[in-house]
Amino acid sequence: MPTVPRWEGHRAFFYSNEGHEPPHIHVESNGREAKFWLGDLEVALNFGFSELEVRRIRKTLEMYRLQLLDAWKEHFGEQY
């Protein structure tokens, strides 16, 4: 389960068994977790984050989006 960036108590990571899905990232903080598609940064799943927190997370992910896609390719290969 590779971790990519960490910021303000949040951890972004991939589950190693999810390479069959389109590129996405999980974000975890204080027992809450959300999954964002890297193509458009839409929320796929959200367990516990408020709408304000989701907007803030999305803004941070926007800054790292290209690096996250590169990390996805490196970890899972070009299989998407």
N, C-alpha and C. Protein backbone atom coordinates (compact mmCIF):
# COMPACT_ATOMS: atom_id res chain seq x y z
N MET A 1 0.85 -1.16 0.00
CA MET A 1 0.00 0.00 0.00
C MET A 1 0.90 1.23 0.00
N PRO A 2 1.35 1.69 -1.16
CA PRO A 2 2.27 2.83 -1.21
C PRO A 2 1.60 4.15 -0.81
N THR A 3 2.27 4.89 0.04
CA THR A 3 1.81 6.22 0.42
C THR A 3 2.46 7.23 -0.51
N VAL A 4 1.68 8.19 -0.95
CA VAL A 4 2.20 9.22 -1.83
C VAL A 4 2.42 10.47 -0.98
N PRO A 5 1.62 11.52 -1.05
CA PRO A 5 1.89 12.67 -0.18
C PRO A 5 1.18 12.56 1.18
N ARG A 6 1.70 13.30 2.12
CA ARG A 6 1.06 13.53 3.43
C ARG A 6 0.99 15.03 3.62
N TRP A 7 -0.11 15.51 4.18
CA TRP A 7 -0.24 16.94 4.47
C TRP A 7 -1.31 17.11 5.55
N GLU A 8 -1.07 18.02 6.46
CA GLU A 8 -2.02 18.42 7.50
C GLU A 8 -2.79 17.24 8.09
N GLY A 9 -2.10 16.17 8.42
CA GLY A 9 -2.76 15.01 9.03
C GLY A 9 -3.43 14.06 8.06
N HIS A 10 -3.34 14.33 6.77
CA HIS A 10 -3.92 13.47 5.74
C HIS A 10 -2.82 12.61 5.10
N ARG A 11 -3.22 11.42 4.70
CA ARG A 11 -2.29 10.53 4.01
C ARG A 11 -2.97 10.06 2.73
N ALA A 12 -2.31 10.26 1.60
CA ALA A 12 -2.83 9.79 0.31
C ALA A 12 -2.09 8.50 -0.04
N PHE A 13 -2.83 7.50 -0.55
CA PHE A 13 -2.21 6.20 -0.82
C PHE A 13 -3.02 5.41 -1.83
N PHE A 14 -2.38 4.36 -2.35
CA PHE A 14 -3.03 3.39 -3.24
C PHE A 14 -3.14 2.07 -2.50
N TYR A 15 -4.22 1.34 -2.72
CA TYR A 15 -4.28 -0.06 -2.30
C TYR A 15 -3.69 -0.88 -3.44
N SER A 16 -2.73 -1.73 -3.13
CA SER A 16 -2.01 -2.47 -4.17
C SER A 16 -2.88 -3.44 -4.95
N ASN A 17 -4.03 -3.81 -4.42
CA ASN A 17 -4.89 -4.77 -5.13
C ASN A 17 -5.96 -4.09 -5.98
N GLU A 18 -5.85 -2.78 -6.21
CA GLU A 18 -6.87 -2.06 -6.96
C GLU A 18 -6.39 -1.54 -8.31
N GLY A 19 -5.36 -2.16 -8.85
CA GLY A 19 -4.83 -1.74 -10.13
C GLY A 19 -5.74 -2.02 -11.31
N HIS A 20 -6.77 -2.84 -11.11
CA HIS A 20 -7.72 -3.15 -12.18
C HIS A 20 -8.75 -2.04 -12.38
N GLU A 21 -8.81 -1.08 -11.44
CA GLU A 21 -9.75 0.04 -11.53
C GLU A 21 -9.07 1.22 -12.24
N PRO A 22 -9.85 2.20 -12.68
CA PRO A 22 -9.23 3.41 -13.22
C PRO A 22 -8.36 4.07 -12.15
N PRO A 23 -7.39 4.88 -12.54
CA PRO A 23 -6.51 5.52 -11.57
C PRO A 23 -7.29 6.32 -10.52
N HIS A 24 -6.94 6.08 -9.27
CA HIS A 24 -7.60 6.76 -8.16
C HIS A 24 -6.65 6.80 -6.97
N ILE A 25 -7.04 7.60 -5.99
CA ILE A 25 -6.23 7.75 -4.78
C ILE A 25 -7.17 7.72 -3.58
N HIS A 26 -6.70 7.12 -2.50
CA HIS A 26 -7.42 7.13 -1.23
C HIS A 26 -6.76 8.18 -0.34
N VAL A 27 -7.58 8.86 0.45
CA VAL A 27 -7.08 9.82 1.43
C VAL A 27 -7.66 9.43 2.78
N GLU A 28 -6.79 9.34 3.78
CA GLU A 28 -7.18 8.91 5.11
C GLU A 28 -6.74 9.96 6.12
N SER A 29 -7.59 10.17 7.14
CA SER A 29 -7.26 11.07 8.24
C SER A 29 -8.19 10.79 9.41
N ASN A 30 -7.63 10.51 10.57
CA ASN A 30 -8.41 10.31 11.80
C ASN A 30 -9.56 9.32 11.64
N GLY A 31 -9.31 8.19 11.01
CA GLY A 31 -10.32 7.16 10.85
C GLY A 31 -11.32 7.40 9.74
N ARG A 32 -11.17 8.48 9.01
CA ARG A 32 -12.04 8.77 7.86
C ARG A 32 -11.27 8.44 6.59
N GLU A 33 -12.00 8.10 5.56
CA GLU A 33 -11.34 7.78 4.29
C GLU A 33 -12.22 8.17 3.12
N ALA A 34 -11.60 8.64 2.06
CA ALA A 34 -12.30 8.96 0.82
C ALA A 34 -11.47 8.46 -0.36
N LYS A 35 -12.15 8.17 -1.44
CA LYS A 35 -11.50 7.71 -2.67
C LYS A 35 -11.85 8.70 -3.77
N PHE A 36 -10.82 9.17 -4.49
CA PHE A 36 -10.99 10.15 -5.55
C PHE A 36 -10.46 9.56 -6.86
N TRP A 37 -11.24 9.70 -7.94
CA TRP A 37 -10.75 9.33 -9.27
C TRP A 37 -9.74 10.38 -9.70
N LEU A 38 -8.60 9.95 -10.22
CA LEU A 38 -7.56 10.89 -10.62
C LEU A 38 -7.86 11.58 -11.95
N GLY A 39 -8.74 11.02 -12.75
CA GLY A 39 -9.08 11.65 -14.02
C GLY A 39 -9.76 13.00 -13.84
N ASP A 40 -10.75 13.06 -12.95
CA ASP A 40 -11.50 14.30 -12.76
C ASP A 40 -11.57 14.74 -11.29
N LEU A 41 -10.94 13.99 -10.40
CA LEU A 41 -10.90 14.25 -8.96
C LEU A 41 -12.29 14.24 -8.32
N GLU A 42 -13.22 13.50 -8.95
CA GLU A 42 -14.53 13.30 -8.34
C GLU A 42 -14.41 12.27 -7.22
N VAL A 43 -15.29 12.39 -6.24
CA VAL A 43 -15.29 11.47 -5.11
C VAL A 43 -15.99 10.18 -5.52
N ALA A 44 -15.31 9.07 -5.36
CA ALA A 44 -15.89 7.76 -5.62
C ALA A 44 -16.56 7.23 -4.36
N LEU A 45 -15.91 7.40 -3.22
CA LEU A 45 -16.42 6.96 -1.92
C LEU A 45 -16.00 7.97 -0.87
N ASN A 46 -16.85 8.15 0.12
CA ASN A 46 -16.51 9.05 1.22
C ASN A 46 -17.06 8.47 2.52
N PHE A 47 -16.18 8.21 3.45
CA PHE A 47 -16.57 7.70 4.75
C PHE A 47 -16.11 8.67 5.83
N GLY A 48 -16.92 9.72 6.07
CA GLY A 48 -16.68 10.57 7.21
C GLY A 48 -16.21 11.98 6.97
N PHE A 49 -15.76 12.33 5.77
CA PHE A 49 -15.31 13.70 5.52
C PHE A 49 -16.51 14.60 5.21
N SER A 50 -16.49 15.82 5.74
CA SER A 50 -17.53 16.80 5.42
C SER A 50 -17.31 17.32 4.00
N GLU A 51 -18.31 18.00 3.46
CA GLU A 51 -18.17 18.59 2.13
C GLU A 51 -17.03 19.60 2.09
N LEU A 52 -16.86 20.38 3.15
CA LEU A 52 -15.77 21.34 3.22
C LEU A 52 -14.42 20.62 3.19
N GLU A 53 -14.30 19.54 3.94
CA GLU A 53 -13.05 18.78 3.95
C GLU A 53 -12.77 18.17 2.59
N VAL A 54 -13.80 17.68 1.92
CA VAL A 54 -13.64 17.10 0.58
C VAL A 54 -13.13 18.16 -0.38
N ARG A 55 -13.69 19.36 -0.32
CA ARG A 55 -13.22 20.44 -1.20
C ARG A 55 -11.76 20.78 -0.93
N ARG A 56 -11.37 20.80 0.33
CA ARG A 56 -9.97 21.10 0.68
C ARG A 56 -9.04 19.98 0.22
N ILE A 57 -9.46 18.75 0.39
CA ILE A 57 -8.64 17.62 -0.07
C ILE A 57 -8.50 17.68 -1.58
N ARG A 58 -9.61 17.91 -2.28
CA ARG A 58 -9.57 17.99 -3.74
C ARG A 58 -8.60 19.07 -4.21
N LYS A 59 -8.60 20.21 -3.53
CA LYS A 59 -7.70 21.31 -3.90
C LYS A 59 -6.25 20.87 -3.78
N THR A 60 -5.92 20.15 -2.71
CA THR A 60 -4.55 19.65 -2.54
C THR A 60 -4.23 18.61 -3.60
N LEU A 61 -5.17 17.69 -3.86
CA LEU A 61 -4.93 16.67 -4.87
C LEU A 61 -4.72 17.29 -6.25
N GLU A 62 -5.40 18.39 -6.53
CA GLU A 62 -5.20 19.09 -7.81
C GLU A 62 -3.74 19.49 -7.98
N MET A 63 -3.11 19.93 -6.90
CA MET A 63 -1.70 20.34 -6.98
C MET A 63 -0.78 19.16 -7.26
N TYR A 64 -1.16 17.97 -6.81
CA TYR A 64 -0.32 16.78 -6.94
C TYR A 64 -0.80 15.83 -8.05
N ARG A 65 -1.84 16.20 -8.77
CA ARG A 65 -2.49 15.27 -9.69
C ARG A 65 -1.53 14.59 -10.67
N LEU A 66 -0.67 15.34 -11.32
CA LEU A 66 0.26 14.74 -12.29
C LEU A 66 1.24 13.79 -11.61
N GLN A 67 1.73 14.17 -10.43
CA GLN A 67 2.64 13.29 -9.70
C GLN A 67 1.92 12.02 -9.25
N LEU A 68 0.65 12.16 -8.87
CA LEU A 68 -0.13 10.99 -8.46
C LEU A 68 -0.35 10.04 -9.64
N LEU A 69 -0.65 10.60 -10.80
CA LEU A 69 -0.81 9.76 -11.99
C LEU A 69 0.50 9.06 -12.34
N ASP A 70 1.62 9.76 -12.22
CA ASP A 70 2.93 9.13 -12.46
C ASP A 70 3.18 8.01 -11.46
N ALA A 71 2.84 8.25 -10.20
CA ALA A 71 3.03 7.22 -9.16
C ALA A 71 2.14 6.02 -9.44
N TRP A 72 0.91 6.26 -9.93
CA TRP A 72 0.00 5.16 -10.28
C TRP A 72 0.63 4.31 -11.39
N LYS A 73 1.12 4.98 -12.45
CA LYS A 73 1.74 4.28 -13.57
C LYS A 73 2.95 3.46 -13.11
N GLU A 74 3.74 4.06 -12.24
CA GLU A 74 4.93 3.37 -11.73
C GLU A 74 4.54 2.14 -10.91
N HIS A 75 3.52 2.28 -10.10
CA HIS A 75 3.13 1.17 -9.22
C HIS A 75 2.36 0.08 -9.96
N PHE A 76 1.40 0.48 -10.79
CA PHE A 76 0.50 -0.49 -11.42
C PHE A 76 0.85 -0.78 -12.88
N GLY A 77 1.72 0.03 -13.48
CA GLY A 77 2.03 -0.13 -14.89
C GLY A 77 1.01 0.60 -15.74
N GLU A 78 1.11 0.44 -17.02
CA GLU A 78 0.25 1.16 -17.97
C GLU A 78 -1.03 0.38 -18.26
N GLN A 79 -1.54 -0.35 -17.29
CA GLN A 79 -2.68 -1.24 -17.55
C GLN A 79 -4.05 -0.57 -17.53
N TYR A 80 -4.11 0.74 -17.44
CA TYR A 80 -5.42 1.38 -17.42
C TYR A 80 -5.73 2.07 -18.72
